[in-house]
Amino acid sequence: MRLSTSGRPLPAPSRRSLLRGTGGAALLAGAGIPLLSGCGGSGSSSDPKTVTVGSNASDAVPKKAFESVYAAFRKRSGISVDVNTKDHNTFQEQINSYLQGTPDDVFNWFAGYRMQFFAAKKLATPVDEVWAKIGGNFPEAMKKLSKGEDGKYYFVPLTTYPWAVFYRKSLFRQRGYEVPVTWDDFVALLKRMKKDGLVPLAFGDKDAWPAMGTFDQIDFRLNGYDFHVRLMAGKASWTDARVRAVFDHWSEILPYHQDGFMGRTWQDAAQTLVSKKAGMYLLGSFVGQQFTDKADLDDLDFFPFPEINPAYGQETVEAPTDGFMVSRSPKNHAGVVKLLEYLGGPAAEELYLKTDSSVVAASGKADTSAYSPLQKKAFDMIAGARSLTQFMDRDSRPDFTSTVMQPGLQKFLQNPKGVDGLLSSIERQKKTIFASS
């Protein structure tokens, strides 16, 4: 999701490439791509002065940020962190086989359902003893996101960020545009932007995950948080009229999406916002990493996705939360506990954010005085939300989102009139997948 060292969009990795299980891992191995394994390929170190970490932070910005955090931890504790970094995309695709093999002591992962999935499979170690020390640093919403289905803690959050509609303040001033609050306002603005010769909505779905964010926004704005969560958990039907209504609304704004999106990455789409060729972009706040000029970044702003159903307003915010889990048999348990206690404290978050300003701290105790106006707005938006979601590929089974929803949404984007057959197909596949262990 980040920048290359040159500040240009990374051409290959997807921000949210999904778990495909051991089958996907085998396929990649057959293609000559090295399988993800623990440091040195033989699992975690038994050295009491070393903790190994499996990292998906392969892009330049987060990788540098984590280096600073681990260096500070080593200076503070005398314990070194041996980081096993893999391409973000590869890490996600091979996570299942990695955790069943010889994983590192600790690994980067995601809060909510994605964490619960592996906790339930007994591929992770509870970290309640860590939370006994760090619990006071986090609000209730973060505590809830860090618990497995058994009520134990399996996750230590570090950063979070909101999904919203991003725009250039100067472009809105120049054109006399106003921030839309309702769906009707939003549609009217899209039409006006198109008439003015702009790309109304920047969009790139080459890696198949961005479209899931659009679905999420429309669904919880239209049908509310509770229905959205039930749908993601396989407990509501994809042939429900409420789901069809989501696609009807999406069809209304689809003509205002950027053309050629199937061949465009999110980074390339973001460049049209940077150059003011696009008026708006629905994405996570990591879009700011494409704004390498400070004046351009200072000009970036966002607003929450517009209200569709007054009963739900704008009360739900999509705020994916990233952090750490512990593998099922860490070799250096004592070192792991010390590392996670540090990572769960405000000092580690503040240090990380000095390098990566596209996200905000998950902790309520972190110092926000150094936040940019954009970060402060993001922090306030997340803190003020009644409900938080994590994104479709984190709120549902990873095998369902990767094999059914990613290709399914792309089919809709290319043929919106075939939505009824598509939803019937999704429902059939959902029943099969969710019935499996």
Protein backbone atom coordinates (compact mmCIF):
# COMPACT_ATOMS: atom_id res chain seq x y z
CA MET A 1 0.00 0.00 0.00
CA ARG A 2 3.02 2.22 0.25
CA LEU A 3 5.62 3.97 -1.83
CA SER A 4 8.80 2.75 -3.35
CA THR A 5 12.01 4.38 -2.21
CA SER A 6 11.67 6.75 -5.14
CA GLY A 7 8.26 7.87 -3.94
CA ARG A 8 6.54 6.37 -6.97
CA PRO A 9 3.70 3.83 -6.81
CA LEU A 10 4.85 0.27 -6.30
CA PRO A 11 3.77 -1.60 -9.43
CA ALA A 12 3.07 -5.07 -8.12
CA PRO A 13 2.10 -5.58 -4.46
CA SER A 14 -1.56 -5.28 -3.45
CA ARG A 15 -2.39 -3.54 -0.19
CA ARG A 16 -4.95 -6.16 0.68
CA SER A 17 -4.13 -9.35 -1.17
CA LEU A 18 -6.01 -12.11 0.55
CA LEU A 19 -5.45 -15.50 2.12
CA ARG A 20 -5.83 -18.36 -0.33
CA GLY A 21 -4.69 -21.11 2.02
CA THR A 22 -2.35 -23.96 1.36
CA GLY A 23 -3.57 -24.36 -2.19
CA GLY A 24 -2.43 -20.86 -3.03
CA ALA A 25 0.86 -21.46 -1.29
CA ALA A 26 1.45 -24.62 -3.29
CA LEU A 27 0.65 -22.81 -6.50
CA LEU A 28 3.16 -20.08 -5.70
CA ALA A 29 5.79 -22.64 -4.82
CA GLY A 30 5.21 -24.32 -8.16
CA ALA A 31 5.68 -20.97 -9.82
CA GLY A 32 9.10 -20.64 -8.24
CA ILE A 33 8.14 -18.12 -5.56
CA PRO A 34 9.83 -18.98 -2.24
CA LEU A 35 7.42 -20.06 0.47
CA LEU A 36 7.12 -17.88 3.53
CA SER A 37 8.80 -19.45 6.54
CA GLY A 38 10.37 -18.44 9.81
CA CYS A 39 13.68 -16.58 9.98
CA GLY A 40 16.42 -18.67 8.45
CA GLY A 41 13.77 -21.09 7.23
CA SER A 42 13.89 -23.14 10.43
CA GLY A 43 11.47 -21.40 12.72
CA SER A 44 11.88 -19.06 15.67
CA SER A 45 15.10 -18.56 17.54
CA SER A 46 15.61 -20.01 21.03
CA ASP A 47 18.09 -17.23 21.84
CA PRO A 48 16.74 -15.45 24.96
CA LYS A 49 18.17 -12.20 23.64
CA THR A 50 16.34 -12.42 20.29
CA VAL A 51 12.69 -12.33 19.24
CA THR A 52 11.82 -13.15 15.63
CA VAL A 53 9.07 -11.27 13.79
CA GLY A 54 7.39 -12.27 10.54
CA SER A 55 6.64 -9.00 8.80
CA ASN A 56 4.39 -8.01 5.88
CA ALA A 57 5.75 -4.45 6.02
CA SER A 58 7.72 -4.79 2.80
CA ASP A 59 7.08 -1.29 1.46
CA ALA A 60 9.58 1.45 2.16
CA VAL A 61 7.63 3.65 4.57
CA PRO A 62 6.39 1.06 7.10
CA LYS A 63 9.60 -0.93 6.88
CA LYS A 64 11.62 2.10 7.89
CA ALA A 65 9.12 2.94 10.64
CA PHE A 66 9.36 -0.53 12.16
CA GLU A 67 13.17 -0.44 12.02
CA SER A 68 13.12 2.62 14.27
CA VAL A 69 10.67 0.97 16.69
CA TYR A 70 12.68 -2.25 16.99
CA ALA A 71 15.94 -0.34 17.42
CA ALA A 72 14.40 1.58 20.33
CA PHE A 73 13.15 -1.66 21.88
CA ARG A 74 16.61 -3.23 21.62
CA LYS A 75 18.20 -0.20 23.31
CA ARG A 76 15.58 -0.31 26.03
CA SER A 77 15.48 -4.07 26.72
CA GLY A 78 18.70 -5.55 25.37
CA ILE A 79 16.61 -7.88 23.23
CA SER A 80 17.15 -7.86 19.46
CA VAL A 81 14.33 -8.22 16.97
CA ASP A 82 15.17 -10.42 13.98
CA VAL A 83 12.72 -9.36 11.27
CA ASN A 84 11.70 -11.75 8.50
CA THR A 85 10.15 -9.41 5.92
CA LYS A 86 8.17 -10.73 2.95
CA ASP A 87 6.30 -8.97 0.18
CA HIS A 88 2.94 -7.83 1.59
CA ASN A 89 1.02 -9.76 -1.05
CA THR A 90 3.02 -12.99 -0.61
CA PHE A 91 2.72 -12.82 3.17
CA GLN A 92 -1.08 -12.76 3.02
CA GLU A 93 -1.28 -15.51 0.42
CA GLN A 94 0.95 -17.89 2.36
CA ILE A 95 -0.07 -17.07 5.93
CA ASN A 96 -2.00 -20.31 6.50
CA SER A 97 0.85 -22.65 5.55
CA TYR A 98 3.34 -20.34 7.29
CA LEU A 99 1.53 -20.57 10.63
CA GLN A 100 1.21 -24.35 10.35
CA GLY A 101 4.94 -24.70 9.62
CA THR A 102 7.80 -23.05 11.50
CA PRO A 103 6.64 -19.47 11.96
CA ASP A 104 8.45 -16.66 13.72
CA ASP A 105 7.67 -15.82 17.35
CA VAL A 106 5.53 -12.82 16.45
CA PHE A 107 3.89 -11.81 13.18
CA ASN A 108 2.20 -8.75 11.74
CA TRP A 109 -1.52 -9.20 11.26
CA PHE A 110 -4.97 -7.60 11.44
CA ALA A 111 -7.60 -7.13 14.13
CA GLY A 112 -11.12 -8.54 14.21
CA TYR A 113 -12.27 -11.53 12.18
CA ARG A 114 -8.90 -12.06 10.48
CA MET A 115 -7.30 -12.49 13.90
CA GLN A 116 -10.15 -14.65 15.23
CA PHE A 117 -9.87 -16.97 12.24
CA PHE A 118 -6.37 -18.13 13.20
CA ALA A 119 -7.00 -17.99 16.94
CA ALA A 120 -9.89 -20.43 16.47
CA LYS A 121 -7.60 -22.74 14.49
CA LYS A 122 -5.18 -22.80 17.46
CA LEU A 123 -2.46 -21.26 15.29
CA ALA A 124 -1.90 -18.36 17.70
CA THR A 125 -1.04 -17.94 21.38
CA PRO A 126 -3.25 -15.90 23.75
CA VAL A 127 -1.62 -12.74 25.11
CA ASP A 128 -3.80 -12.01 28.14
CA GLU A 129 -0.71 -11.47 30.30
CA VAL A 130 0.34 -8.68 27.95
CA TRP A 131 -3.10 -7.07 28.09
CA ALA A 132 -2.95 -7.11 31.88
CA LYS A 133 -0.21 -4.50 31.46
CA ILE A 134 -1.39 -2.58 28.36
CA GLY A 135 -5.19 -2.70 28.77
CA GLY A 136 -5.42 0.84 30.10
CA ASN A 137 -3.87 2.21 26.89
CA PHE A 138 -6.79 1.28 24.63
CA PRO A 139 -10.46 2.20 24.26
CA GLU A 140 -13.14 -0.49 24.46
CA ALA A 141 -13.52 -0.69 20.67
CA MET A 142 -9.86 -1.69 20.33
CA LYS A 143 -10.13 -4.22 23.14
CA LYS A 144 -13.08 -5.85 21.40
CA LEU A 145 -11.18 -6.03 18.11
CA SER A 146 -8.27 -7.78 19.88
CA LYS A 147 -10.22 -10.68 21.40
CA GLY A 148 -10.79 -14.14 20.00
CA GLU A 149 -14.15 -15.89 20.05
CA ASP A 150 -13.10 -17.55 23.32
CA GLY A 151 -12.81 -14.16 25.04
CA LYS A 152 -9.02 -14.26 25.26
CA TYR A 153 -6.73 -11.64 23.78
CA TYR A 154 -4.74 -12.66 20.72
CA PHE A 155 -3.80 -9.31 19.20
CA VAL A 156 -1.92 -6.13 20.10
CA PRO A 157 -2.99 -3.17 17.95
CA LEU A 158 -0.52 -0.55 16.80
CA THR A 159 -2.09 1.65 14.14
CA THR A 160 -5.40 2.29 12.47
CA TYR A 161 -6.73 4.47 9.66
CA PRO A 162 -10.11 5.42 8.20
CA TRP A 163 -11.63 4.88 4.79
CA ALA A 164 -13.22 8.06 3.51
CA VAL A 165 -13.69 10.19 0.39
CA PHE A 166 -10.50 12.17 -0.29
CA TYR A 167 -10.28 15.40 -2.26
CA ARG A 168 -8.12 18.48 -2.88
CA LYS A 169 -9.25 21.53 -0.91
CA SER A 170 -7.94 23.95 -3.52
CA LEU A 171 -9.86 22.19 -6.30
CA PHE A 172 -13.10 22.39 -4.33
CA ARG A 173 -12.50 26.10 -3.65
CA GLN A 174 -11.62 26.81 -7.27
CA ARG A 175 -14.71 25.03 -8.60
CA GLY A 176 -17.07 26.11 -5.85
CA TYR A 177 -17.80 22.53 -4.79
CA GLU A 178 -19.30 21.77 -1.38
CA VAL A 179 -18.69 18.64 0.66
CA PRO A 180 -21.71 16.36 0.19
CA VAL A 181 -23.46 15.02 3.27
CA THR A 182 -26.27 13.01 1.69
CA TRP A 183 -26.35 10.52 -1.18
CA ASP A 184 -28.31 12.94 -3.37
CA ASP A 185 -25.70 15.63 -2.74
CA PHE A 186 -22.98 13.16 -3.63
CA VAL A 187 -24.60 12.09 -6.91
CA ALA A 188 -25.20 15.72 -7.85
CA LEU A 189 -21.53 16.54 -7.22
CA LEU A 190 -20.39 13.57 -9.32
CA LYS A 191 -22.52 14.78 -12.21
CA ARG A 192 -21.19 18.32 -11.88
CA MET A 193 -17.58 17.14 -11.82
CA LYS A 194 -18.12 15.09 -14.96
CA LYS A 195 -19.66 18.09 -16.67
CA ASP A 196 -16.62 20.14 -15.62
CA GLY A 197 -14.31 17.69 -17.39
CA LEU A 198 -12.94 15.96 -14.29
CA VAL A 199 -12.80 12.28 -13.43
CA PRO A 200 -15.44 12.37 -10.67
CA LEU A 201 -14.20 9.30 -8.78
CA ALA A 202 -10.63 8.03 -9.11
CA PHE A 203 -10.68 4.24 -9.12
CA GLY A 204 -8.31 1.34 -9.71
CA ASP A 205 -9.27 -2.27 -9.08
CA LYS A 206 -6.45 -4.19 -10.75
CA ASP A 207 -5.63 -5.92 -7.46
CA ALA A 208 -9.35 -6.61 -6.82
CA TRP A 209 -9.56 -5.32 -3.23
CA PRO A 210 -10.52 -1.61 -3.62
CA ALA A 211 -14.03 -2.48 -4.86
CA MET A 212 -14.69 -4.25 -1.57
CA GLY A 213 -14.30 -0.90 0.19
CA THR A 214 -16.99 0.67 -1.97
CA PHE A 215 -19.38 -2.18 -1.20
CA ASP A 216 -18.75 -1.83 2.53
CA GLN A 217 -19.49 1.91 2.58
CA ILE A 218 -22.75 1.62 0.67
CA ASP A 219 -23.90 -1.42 2.67
CA PHE A 220 -23.46 -0.04 6.17
CA ARG A 221 -24.74 3.39 5.15
CA LEU A 222 -27.85 1.81 3.61
CA ASN A 223 -28.46 -1.20 5.87
CA GLY A 224 -26.59 -0.38 9.06
CA TYR A 225 -23.69 -1.91 10.96
CA ASP A 226 -25.56 -4.91 12.37
CA PHE A 227 -26.74 -6.17 8.98
CA HIS A 228 -23.31 -5.58 7.45
CA VAL A 229 -21.56 -7.60 10.15
CA ARG A 230 -24.09 -10.44 9.80
CA LEU A 231 -23.61 -10.47 6.03
CA MET A 232 -19.85 -10.60 6.37
CA ALA A 233 -20.13 -13.44 8.90
CA GLY A 234 -22.22 -15.52 6.51
CA LYS A 235 -25.35 -15.12 8.64
CA ALA A 236 -27.37 -13.02 6.18
CA SER A 237 -28.25 -13.90 2.59
CA TRP A 238 -26.62 -12.31 -0.42
CA THR A 239 -29.96 -12.63 -2.23
CA ASP A 240 -31.63 -10.42 0.40
CA ALA A 241 -33.33 -7.36 -1.14
CA ARG A 242 -31.13 -5.17 1.05
CA VAL A 243 -28.02 -6.47 -0.68
CA ARG A 244 -29.59 -5.91 -4.10
CA ALA A 245 -30.27 -2.32 -3.00
CA VAL A 246 -26.56 -1.87 -2.35
CA PHE A 247 -25.77 -2.78 -5.95
CA ASP A 248 -28.58 -0.56 -7.23
CA HIS A 249 -26.99 2.41 -5.48
CA TRP A 250 -23.57 1.42 -6.72
CA SER A 251 -24.91 1.19 -10.29
CA GLU A 252 -26.12 4.77 -9.97
CA ILE A 253 -22.60 6.10 -9.39
CA LEU A 254 -20.69 3.55 -11.49
CA PRO A 255 -20.73 5.77 -14.62
CA TYR A 256 -18.70 8.34 -12.66
CA HIS A 257 -15.89 5.92 -11.79
CA GLN A 258 -12.59 6.32 -13.60
CA ASP A 259 -12.45 4.40 -16.89
CA GLY A 260 -10.03 1.50 -17.31
CA PHE A 261 -10.07 0.61 -13.63
CA MET A 262 -9.47 -3.11 -14.24
CA GLY A 263 -5.94 -2.36 -15.41
CA ARG A 264 -5.11 0.33 -12.86
CA THR A 265 -3.59 -0.03 -9.38
CA TRP A 266 -4.75 2.14 -6.50
CA GLN A 267 -1.45 4.01 -6.66
CA ASP A 268 -1.99 4.98 -10.29
CA ALA A 269 -5.54 6.09 -9.50
CA ALA A 270 -4.21 8.20 -6.65
CA GLN A 271 -1.94 10.06 -9.03
CA THR A 272 -5.01 11.47 -10.79
CA LEU A 273 -6.06 12.99 -7.47
CA VAL A 274 -2.55 14.36 -6.97
CA SER A 275 -2.66 15.98 -10.43
CA LYS A 276 -6.21 17.30 -9.89
CA LYS A 277 -7.51 15.34 -12.85
CA ALA A 278 -9.86 13.51 -10.48
CA GLY A 279 -12.23 15.23 -8.10
CA MET A 280 -12.56 12.57 -5.39
CA TYR A 281 -11.23 9.17 -4.34
CA LEU A 282 -12.81 6.67 -1.93
CA LEU A 283 -9.90 4.92 -0.22
CA GLY A 284 -8.03 4.52 3.05
CA SER A 285 -5.94 7.37 4.37
CA PHE A 286 -2.83 5.62 3.07
CA VAL A 287 -3.65 7.49 -0.16
CA GLY A 288 -1.66 10.33 1.41
CA GLN A 289 1.56 8.41 0.80
CA GLN A 290 1.19 9.22 -2.88
CA PHE A 291 1.37 12.94 -2.08
CA THR A 292 5.13 13.32 -1.94
CA ASP A 293 5.09 17.13 -2.20
CA LYS A 294 4.28 18.74 1.17
CA ALA A 295 2.14 21.46 -0.40
CA ASP A 296 0.04 18.83 -2.15
CA LEU A 297 -0.28 16.80 1.03
CA ASP A 298 -1.34 19.88 2.98
CA ASP A 299 -4.03 20.39 0.35
CA LEU A 300 -5.47 16.89 0.86
CA ASP A 301 -8.68 16.52 2.85
CA PHE A 302 -11.49 14.00 3.27
CA PHE A 303 -15.10 13.59 4.33
CA PRO A 304 -17.03 10.54 5.57
CA PHE A 305 -18.97 8.61 2.94
CA PRO A 306 -22.34 10.35 2.59
CA GLU A 307 -25.50 9.36 4.43
CA ILE A 308 -27.90 7.14 2.49
CA ASN A 309 -30.37 5.97 5.13
CA PRO A 310 -31.11 8.60 7.83
CA ALA A 311 -31.66 5.77 10.32
CA TYR A 312 -27.91 5.04 10.22
CA GLY A 313 -26.48 8.38 9.16
CA GLN A 314 -22.68 8.34 9.12
CA GLU A 315 -22.30 6.48 12.41
CA THR A 316 -20.12 3.63 11.09
CA VAL A 317 -16.49 4.13 10.11
CA GLU A 318 -14.32 1.59 8.28
CA ALA A 319 -11.09 1.67 10.28
CA PRO A 320 -8.75 -1.29 9.60
CA THR A 321 -6.45 -1.89 12.53
CA ASP A 322 -2.95 -3.37 12.16
CA GLY A 323 -0.83 -4.91 14.85
CA PHE A 324 0.73 -8.15 16.09
CA MET A 325 -0.06 -11.74 16.99
CA VAL A 326 2.02 -14.51 18.56
CA SER A 327 2.49 -17.85 16.81
CA ARG A 328 1.35 -21.07 18.50
CA SER A 329 4.78 -22.10 19.85
CA PRO A 330 7.06 -19.08 20.28
CA LYS A 331 10.61 -20.10 21.19
CA ASN A 332 11.30 -16.98 23.26
CA HIS A 333 8.06 -16.48 25.19
CA ALA A 334 9.55 -14.13 27.78
CA GLY A 335 11.03 -11.93 25.04
CA VAL A 336 7.75 -11.95 23.15
CA VAL A 337 5.89 -10.67 26.21
CA LYS A 338 8.39 -7.83 26.67
CA LEU A 339 8.20 -6.89 22.98
CA LEU A 340 4.40 -6.83 22.91
CA GLU A 341 4.21 -4.83 26.12
CA TYR A 342 6.43 -2.26 24.45
CA LEU A 343 4.50 -2.34 21.16
CA GLY A 344 1.25 -1.89 23.11
CA GLY A 345 2.49 1.30 24.70
CA PRO A 346 2.24 4.86 23.39
CA ALA A 347 6.02 5.30 22.99
CA ALA A 348 6.21 2.67 20.24
CA GLU A 349 3.22 4.13 18.41
CA GLU A 350 4.56 7.66 18.58
CA LEU A 351 7.91 6.52 17.22
CA TYR A 352 6.28 4.59 14.36
CA LEU A 353 4.15 7.59 13.39
CA LYS A 354 7.20 9.81 13.05
CA THR A 355 7.98 7.89 9.85
CA ASP A 356 4.53 6.76 8.70
CA SER A 357 2.09 9.67 8.97
CA SER A 358 -0.61 8.02 6.85
CA VAL A 359 -2.05 6.24 9.90
CA VAL A 360 -2.93 7.11 13.51
CA ALA A 361 -2.26 5.41 16.81
CA ALA A 362 -4.65 2.71 17.98
CA SER A 363 -3.96 3.68 21.59
CA GLY A 364 -5.87 6.45 23.27
CA LYS A 365 -2.77 7.31 25.30
CA ALA A 366 -0.49 8.23 22.38
CA ASP A 367 0.52 11.87 22.06
CA THR A 368 -1.39 13.42 19.16
CA SER A 369 0.22 16.87 19.36
CA ALA A 370 2.53 16.10 16.43
CA TYR A 371 -0.35 14.92 14.23
CA SER A 372 -0.95 16.73 10.98
CA PRO A 373 -4.43 18.25 10.49
CA LEU A 374 -5.28 15.22 8.36
CA GLN A 375 -4.21 12.80 11.09
CA LYS A 376 -6.13 14.72 13.75
CA LYS A 377 -9.24 14.59 11.59
CA ALA A 378 -8.76 10.85 11.04
CA PHE A 379 -8.26 10.26 14.76
CA ASP A 380 -11.39 12.24 15.64
CA MET A 381 -13.42 10.46 12.97
CA ILE A 382 -12.48 7.04 14.35
CA ALA A 383 -12.88 8.08 17.98
CA GLY A 384 -16.32 9.56 17.28
CA ALA A 385 -17.69 6.54 15.43
CA ARG A 386 -20.50 4.55 16.97
CA SER A 387 -19.29 1.40 15.21
CA LEU A 388 -16.04 0.39 13.53
CA THR A 389 -15.62 -2.10 10.69
CA GLN A 390 -12.35 -3.59 9.48
CA PHE A 391 -12.90 -3.98 5.69
CA MET A 392 -14.55 -6.88 3.86
CA ASP A 393 -11.45 -9.07 3.68
CA ARG A 394 -10.93 -8.67 7.43
CA ASP A 395 -14.58 -8.89 8.54
CA SER A 396 -15.28 -12.14 6.69
CA ARG A 397 -13.64 -15.47 5.98
CA PRO A 398 -10.49 -14.89 3.95
CA ASP A 399 -11.19 -17.82 1.66
CA PHE A 400 -14.67 -16.43 0.90
CA THR A 401 -13.49 -12.91 0.13
CA SER A 402 -10.55 -14.05 -2.02
CA THR A 403 -12.23 -16.75 -4.08
CA VAL A 404 -15.80 -15.42 -4.25
CA MET A 405 -16.08 -11.70 -3.51
CA GLN A 406 -13.02 -10.35 -5.30
CA PRO A 407 -13.89 -11.92 -8.67
CA GLY A 408 -17.60 -11.43 -7.99
CA LEU A 409 -17.35 -7.69 -7.52
CA GLN A 410 -15.19 -7.38 -10.62
CA LYS A 411 -17.90 -9.21 -12.58
CA PHE A 412 -20.42 -6.67 -11.32
CA LEU A 413 -18.21 -3.74 -12.27
CA GLN A 414 -17.94 -5.07 -15.81
CA ASN A 415 -21.57 -6.17 -16.11
CA PRO A 416 -23.82 -4.42 -13.57
CA LYS A 417 -26.99 -5.71 -15.26
CA GLY A 418 -26.11 -9.30 -14.32
CA VAL A 419 -26.29 -8.66 -10.59
CA ASP A 420 -29.19 -11.03 -9.78
CA GLY A 421 -27.41 -14.09 -11.15
CA LEU A 422 -24.20 -12.96 -9.50
CA LEU A 423 -25.81 -12.64 -6.07
CA SER A 424 -27.38 -16.10 -6.39
CA SER A 425 -23.95 -17.51 -7.23
CA ILE A 426 -22.33 -15.71 -4.29
CA GLU A 427 -24.97 -17.06 -1.92
CA ARG A 428 -24.49 -20.65 -3.10
CA GLN A 429 -20.72 -20.43 -2.72
CA LYS A 430 -21.06 -18.72 0.66
CA LYS A 431 -23.13 -21.59 2.04
CA THR A 432 -20.52 -24.11 0.96
CA ILE A 433 -17.55 -22.17 2.32
CA PHE A 434 -19.08 -21.17 5.64
CA ALA A 435 -20.28 -24.74 6.22
CA SER A 436 -16.67 -25.95 6.08
CA SER A 437 -14.41 -25.92 9.10
